[in-house]
Amino acid sequence: GPRRRTATQTSTTPGSTSREITFLSVLEIRQVEVLLTEIRRACELNEVTVHDKDRAVFDTEIATINAQIKSPSPKRKVVGVALRSLGGLLSHAGAGVLGGSVLQLAQHLMR
């Protein structure tokens, strides 16, 4: 039917996105690294306690982000999704401010 047409118009054609938008910039990688350092420090100082069932997810997301930022072409969307998950876990663990920063960066990367 004619109702479906709007969906196809708004979706971007594959390959139309430029390289800059697909991958993280040097500055963005730096921002991610700074946040990861803050998260690690908060965990070490017990300012943040991620509980058992979330812990595995938390560790996996951090591993994903680390793997991406070490890659020659870190994917914005992959890092964004992992950061969004981390931000939610941090907020849930009572680290609202840190979680907020993480979510903000996640949102920026997924734009």
N, C-alpha and C. Protein backbone atom coordinates (compact mmCIF):
# COMPACT_ATOMS: atom_id res chain seq x y z
N GLY A 1 0.82 -1.21 0.00
CA GLY A 1 0.00 0.00 0.00
C GLY A 1 0.85 1.26 0.00
N PRO A 2 0.22 2.41 -0.12
CA PRO A 2 0.97 3.68 -0.20
C PRO A 2 1.56 4.12 1.15
N ARG A 3 1.08 3.49 2.25
CA ARG A 3 1.55 3.90 3.58
C ARG A 3 3.05 3.66 3.79
N ARG A 4 3.60 2.67 3.11
CA ARG A 4 4.98 2.29 3.36
C ARG A 4 6.00 3.23 2.70
N ARG A 5 5.52 4.09 1.82
CA ARG A 5 6.45 4.87 1.02
C ARG A 5 7.33 5.81 1.86
N THR A 6 6.77 6.43 2.89
CA THR A 6 7.55 7.37 3.70
C THR A 6 8.77 6.72 4.31
N ALA A 7 8.64 5.47 4.71
CA ALA A 7 9.76 4.76 5.33
C ALA A 7 10.94 4.64 4.38
N THR A 8 10.65 4.33 3.12
CA THR A 8 11.75 4.16 2.17
C THR A 8 12.41 5.49 1.83
N GLN A 9 11.67 6.56 1.86
CA GLN A 9 12.24 7.87 1.55
C GLN A 9 13.22 8.33 2.61
N THR A 10 12.86 8.11 3.89
CA THR A 10 13.71 8.62 4.97
C THR A 10 14.96 7.78 5.17
N SER A 11 14.92 6.50 4.83
CA SER A 11 16.11 5.68 5.05
C SER A 11 17.20 6.04 4.06
N THR A 12 18.42 6.17 4.56
CA THR A 12 19.52 6.55 3.68
C THR A 12 19.98 5.34 2.88
N THR A 13 20.41 5.58 1.67
CA THR A 13 20.88 4.48 0.84
C THR A 13 22.22 4.00 1.34
N PRO A 14 22.45 2.68 1.34
CA PRO A 14 23.74 2.15 1.80
C PRO A 14 24.88 2.74 0.98
N GLY A 15 25.96 3.07 1.63
CA GLY A 15 27.11 3.59 0.93
C GLY A 15 27.11 5.11 0.82
N SER A 16 26.02 5.73 1.24
CA SER A 16 25.95 7.19 1.12
C SER A 16 26.67 7.89 2.27
N THR A 17 26.85 7.17 3.38
CA THR A 17 27.53 7.78 4.51
C THR A 17 29.03 7.89 4.23
N SER A 18 29.59 9.03 4.56
CA SER A 18 31.02 9.23 4.32
C SER A 18 31.82 8.55 5.42
N ARG A 19 33.09 8.33 5.16
CA ARG A 19 33.96 7.61 6.07
C ARG A 19 34.01 8.24 7.45
N GLU A 20 34.03 9.56 7.49
CA GLU A 20 34.14 10.28 8.77
C GLU A 20 33.01 9.92 9.72
N ILE A 21 31.82 9.68 9.14
CA ILE A 21 30.66 9.43 9.97
C ILE A 21 30.61 7.99 10.46
N THR A 22 31.22 7.09 9.71
CA THR A 22 31.18 5.68 10.07
C THR A 22 32.13 5.36 11.22
N PHE A 23 33.28 6.01 11.23
CA PHE A 23 34.31 5.70 12.21
C PHE A 23 34.56 6.84 13.19
N LEU A 24 35.15 6.51 14.33
CA LEU A 24 35.44 7.53 15.33
C LEU A 24 36.63 8.37 14.90
N SER A 25 36.58 9.64 15.27
CA SER A 25 37.71 10.53 15.03
C SER A 25 38.73 10.33 16.15
N VAL A 26 39.93 10.85 15.95
CA VAL A 26 40.98 10.75 16.98
C VAL A 26 40.49 11.39 18.28
N LEU A 27 39.83 12.52 18.16
CA LEU A 27 39.32 13.23 19.34
C LEU A 27 38.27 12.38 20.07
N GLU A 28 37.39 11.76 19.32
CA GLU A 28 36.35 10.94 19.93
C GLU A 28 36.94 9.72 20.63
N ILE A 29 37.96 9.12 20.02
CA ILE A 29 38.64 7.98 20.65
C ILE A 29 39.22 8.44 21.98
N ARG A 30 39.81 9.62 21.98
CA ARG A 30 40.38 10.20 23.20
C ARG A 30 39.31 10.36 24.27
N GLN A 31 38.15 10.87 23.88
CA GLN A 31 37.04 11.06 24.83
C GLN A 31 36.59 9.73 25.42
N VAL A 32 36.54 8.72 24.56
CA VAL A 32 36.14 7.38 25.01
C VAL A 32 37.17 6.86 26.02
N GLU A 33 38.46 7.04 25.70
CA GLU A 33 39.52 6.56 26.60
C GLU A 33 39.46 7.25 27.96
N VAL A 34 39.20 8.55 27.96
CA VAL A 34 39.09 9.30 29.21
C VAL A 34 37.94 8.75 30.05
N LEU A 35 36.80 8.50 29.42
CA LEU A 35 35.66 7.94 30.14
C LEU A 35 35.95 6.56 30.69
N LEU A 36 36.61 5.72 29.89
CA LEU A 36 36.95 4.36 30.36
C LEU A 36 37.87 4.42 31.57
N THR A 37 38.81 5.37 31.54
CA THR A 37 39.72 5.55 32.68
C THR A 37 38.94 5.96 33.93
N GLU A 38 37.99 6.89 33.75
CA GLU A 38 37.16 7.33 34.88
C GLU A 38 36.32 6.19 35.43
N ILE A 39 35.78 5.39 34.53
CA ILE A 39 34.96 4.25 34.96
C ILE A 39 35.80 3.26 35.75
N ARG A 40 37.01 2.97 35.23
CA ARG A 40 37.90 2.03 35.92
C ARG A 40 38.27 2.56 37.30
N ARG A 41 38.56 3.84 37.37
CA ARG A 41 38.94 4.44 38.66
C ARG A 41 37.78 4.38 39.65
N ALA A 42 36.60 4.70 39.17
CA ALA A 42 35.42 4.67 40.03
C ALA A 42 35.17 3.26 40.57
N CYS A 43 35.41 2.26 39.74
CA CYS A 43 35.24 0.86 40.18
C CYS A 43 36.30 0.48 41.21
N GLU A 44 37.54 0.91 40.97
CA GLU A 44 38.62 0.60 41.90
C GLU A 44 38.40 1.25 43.27
N LEU A 45 37.87 2.47 43.25
CA LEU A 45 37.62 3.19 44.49
C LEU A 45 36.29 2.81 45.13
N ASN A 46 35.63 1.82 44.52
CA ASN A 46 34.32 1.36 44.99
C ASN A 46 33.27 2.46 45.02
N GLU A 47 33.44 3.48 44.16
CA GLU A 47 32.41 4.51 44.04
C GLU A 47 31.25 3.93 43.24
N VAL A 48 31.60 2.94 42.44
CA VAL A 48 30.60 2.27 41.63
C VAL A 48 30.69 0.78 41.92
N THR A 49 29.55 0.18 42.22
CA THR A 49 29.53 -1.27 42.39
C THR A 49 28.54 -1.83 41.39
N VAL A 50 29.05 -2.56 40.43
CA VAL A 50 28.18 -3.21 39.45
C VAL A 50 27.94 -4.62 39.94
N HIS A 51 26.67 -4.95 40.14
CA HIS A 51 26.34 -6.24 40.74
C HIS A 51 26.43 -7.40 39.77
N ASP A 52 26.54 -8.58 40.38
CA ASP A 52 26.85 -9.82 39.67
C ASP A 52 26.24 -9.98 38.28
N LYS A 53 24.90 -9.88 38.21
CA LYS A 53 24.28 -10.19 36.91
C LYS A 53 24.63 -9.14 35.86
N ASP A 54 24.89 -7.90 36.30
CA ASP A 54 25.26 -6.83 35.36
C ASP A 54 26.75 -6.85 35.06
N ARG A 55 27.50 -7.46 35.96
CA ARG A 55 28.96 -7.42 35.85
C ARG A 55 29.48 -8.00 34.53
N ALA A 56 28.92 -9.14 34.14
CA ALA A 56 29.36 -9.78 32.90
C ALA A 56 29.09 -8.88 31.70
N VAL A 57 27.90 -8.26 31.70
CA VAL A 57 27.54 -7.34 30.61
C VAL A 57 28.49 -6.14 30.62
N PHE A 58 28.71 -5.61 31.80
CA PHE A 58 29.59 -4.46 32.00
C PHE A 58 30.98 -4.74 31.43
N ASP A 59 31.55 -5.88 31.83
CA ASP A 59 32.89 -6.26 31.37
C ASP A 59 32.92 -6.47 29.85
N THR A 60 31.85 -7.07 29.33
CA THR A 60 31.78 -7.31 27.88
C THR A 60 31.74 -6.00 27.11
N GLU A 61 30.95 -5.05 27.59
CA GLU A 61 30.84 -3.76 26.90
C GLU A 61 32.20 -3.04 26.91
N ILE A 62 32.89 -3.08 28.04
CA ILE A 62 34.20 -2.45 28.13
C ILE A 62 35.19 -3.12 27.18
N ALA A 63 35.14 -4.45 27.12
CA ALA A 63 36.01 -5.20 26.21
C ALA A 63 35.71 -4.83 24.75
N THR A 64 34.43 -4.69 24.44
CA THR A 64 34.01 -4.30 23.09
C THR A 64 34.57 -2.94 22.72
N ILE A 65 34.42 -1.97 23.63
CA ILE A 65 34.89 -0.61 23.38
C ILE A 65 36.41 -0.59 23.23
N ASN A 66 37.09 -1.30 24.11
CA ASN A 66 38.56 -1.37 24.01
C ASN A 66 39.01 -1.96 22.69
N ALA A 67 38.35 -3.03 22.27
CA ALA A 67 38.71 -3.67 21.00
C ALA A 67 38.48 -2.71 19.83
N GLN A 68 37.38 -1.98 19.88
CA GLN A 68 37.06 -1.04 18.81
C GLN A 68 38.06 0.11 18.73
N ILE A 69 38.39 0.71 19.88
CA ILE A 69 39.28 1.89 19.82
C ILE A 69 40.72 1.51 19.49
N LYS A 70 41.06 0.23 19.62
CA LYS A 70 42.39 -0.22 19.20
C LYS A 70 42.40 -0.55 17.71
N SER A 71 41.22 -0.73 17.15
CA SER A 71 41.10 -1.09 15.74
C SER A 71 41.47 0.10 14.84
N PRO A 72 42.02 -0.18 13.66
CA PRO A 72 42.36 0.92 12.74
C PRO A 72 41.12 1.70 12.29
N SER A 73 39.96 1.06 12.35
CA SER A 73 38.73 1.76 11.98
C SER A 73 37.62 1.47 12.98
N PRO A 74 37.66 2.17 14.13
CA PRO A 74 36.66 1.93 15.17
C PRO A 74 35.28 2.40 14.71
N LYS A 75 34.30 1.55 14.81
CA LYS A 75 32.96 1.86 14.33
C LYS A 75 32.16 2.63 15.38
N ARG A 76 31.69 3.79 14.96
CA ARG A 76 30.91 4.67 15.84
C ARG A 76 29.71 3.96 16.45
N LYS A 77 28.98 3.25 15.59
CA LYS A 77 27.73 2.64 16.05
C LYS A 77 28.00 1.56 17.10
N VAL A 78 29.03 0.76 16.89
CA VAL A 78 29.36 -0.32 17.83
C VAL A 78 29.75 0.28 19.18
N VAL A 79 30.61 1.30 19.15
CA VAL A 79 31.04 1.95 20.38
C VAL A 79 29.86 2.66 21.03
N GLY A 80 29.03 3.29 20.23
CA GLY A 80 27.86 4.00 20.75
C GLY A 80 26.91 3.08 21.50
N VAL A 81 26.62 1.95 20.89
CA VAL A 81 25.70 0.97 21.51
C VAL A 81 26.29 0.45 22.83
N ALA A 82 27.58 0.13 22.82
CA ALA A 82 28.24 -0.38 24.03
C ALA A 82 28.25 0.69 25.12
N LEU A 83 28.54 1.94 24.74
CA LEU A 83 28.54 3.03 25.71
C LEU A 83 27.15 3.26 26.30
N ARG A 84 26.14 3.15 25.45
CA ARG A 84 24.78 3.36 25.94
C ARG A 84 24.44 2.31 26.99
N SER A 85 24.83 1.08 26.73
CA SER A 85 24.61 -0.01 27.68
C SER A 85 25.37 0.26 28.99
N LEU A 86 26.63 0.67 28.87
CA LEU A 86 27.45 1.00 30.05
C LEU A 86 26.85 2.13 30.84
N GLY A 87 26.42 3.16 30.14
CA GLY A 87 25.83 4.33 30.81
C GLY A 87 24.62 3.95 31.64
N GLY A 88 23.80 3.06 31.07
CA GLY A 88 22.62 2.59 31.79
C GLY A 88 23.01 1.81 33.04
N LEU A 89 24.01 0.94 32.91
CA LEU A 89 24.47 0.15 34.05
C LEU A 89 25.05 1.04 35.14
N LEU A 90 25.81 2.06 34.73
CA LEU A 90 26.43 2.97 35.70
C LEU A 90 25.36 3.76 36.45
N SER A 91 24.38 4.26 35.72
CA SER A 91 23.30 5.02 36.36
C SER A 91 22.56 4.14 37.35
N HIS A 92 22.35 2.89 36.94
CA HIS A 92 21.67 1.90 37.77
C HIS A 92 22.50 1.60 39.03
N ALA A 93 23.83 1.67 38.90
CA ALA A 93 24.72 1.38 40.03
C ALA A 93 24.95 2.61 40.90
N GLY A 94 24.24 3.68 40.62
CA GLY A 94 24.33 4.87 41.45
C GLY A 94 25.36 5.89 41.00
N ALA A 95 26.00 5.64 39.86
CA ALA A 95 26.96 6.61 39.35
C ALA A 95 26.29 7.46 38.28
N GLY A 96 25.33 8.26 38.73
CA GLY A 96 24.51 9.04 37.81
C GLY A 96 25.28 10.01 36.94
N VAL A 97 26.23 10.72 37.54
CA VAL A 97 26.98 11.73 36.81
C VAL A 97 27.84 11.09 35.72
N LEU A 98 28.58 10.06 36.13
CA LEU A 98 29.44 9.34 35.20
C LEU A 98 28.58 8.67 34.12
N GLY A 99 27.51 8.04 34.55
CA GLY A 99 26.59 7.40 33.61
C GLY A 99 26.05 8.41 32.61
N GLY A 100 25.74 9.60 33.09
CA GLY A 100 25.24 10.67 32.22
C GLY A 100 26.25 11.07 31.16
N SER A 101 27.52 11.19 31.57
CA SER A 101 28.58 11.54 30.61
C SER A 101 28.72 10.46 29.55
N VAL A 102 28.65 9.22 30.00
CA VAL A 102 28.79 8.09 29.08
C VAL A 102 27.62 8.08 28.09
N LEU A 103 26.40 8.29 28.59
CA LEU A 103 25.22 8.30 27.74
C LEU A 103 25.26 9.45 26.74
N GLN A 104 25.80 10.59 27.19
CA GLN A 104 25.91 11.75 26.31
C GLN A 104 26.82 11.46 25.12
N LEU A 105 27.96 10.83 25.41
CA LEU A 105 28.91 10.48 24.35
C LEU A 105 28.28 9.42 23.43
N ALA A 106 27.57 8.48 24.04
CA ALA A 106 26.90 7.42 23.26
C ALA A 106 25.93 8.05 22.25
N GLN A 107 25.15 9.02 22.74
CA GLN A 107 24.17 9.70 21.91
C GLN A 107 24.87 10.42 20.76
N HIS A 108 25.96 11.09 21.07
CA HIS A 108 26.73 11.82 20.07
C HIS A 108 27.24 10.87 18.97
N LEU A 109 27.73 9.70 19.38
CA LEU A 109 28.29 8.75 18.42
C LEU A 109 27.21 8.11 17.55
N MET A 110 25.99 8.04 18.08
CA MET A 110 24.93 7.36 17.35
C MET A 110 24.08 8.31 16.52
N ARG A 111 24.42 9.56 16.52
CA ARG A 111 23.69 10.54 15.72
C ARG A 111 23.78 10.24 14.25
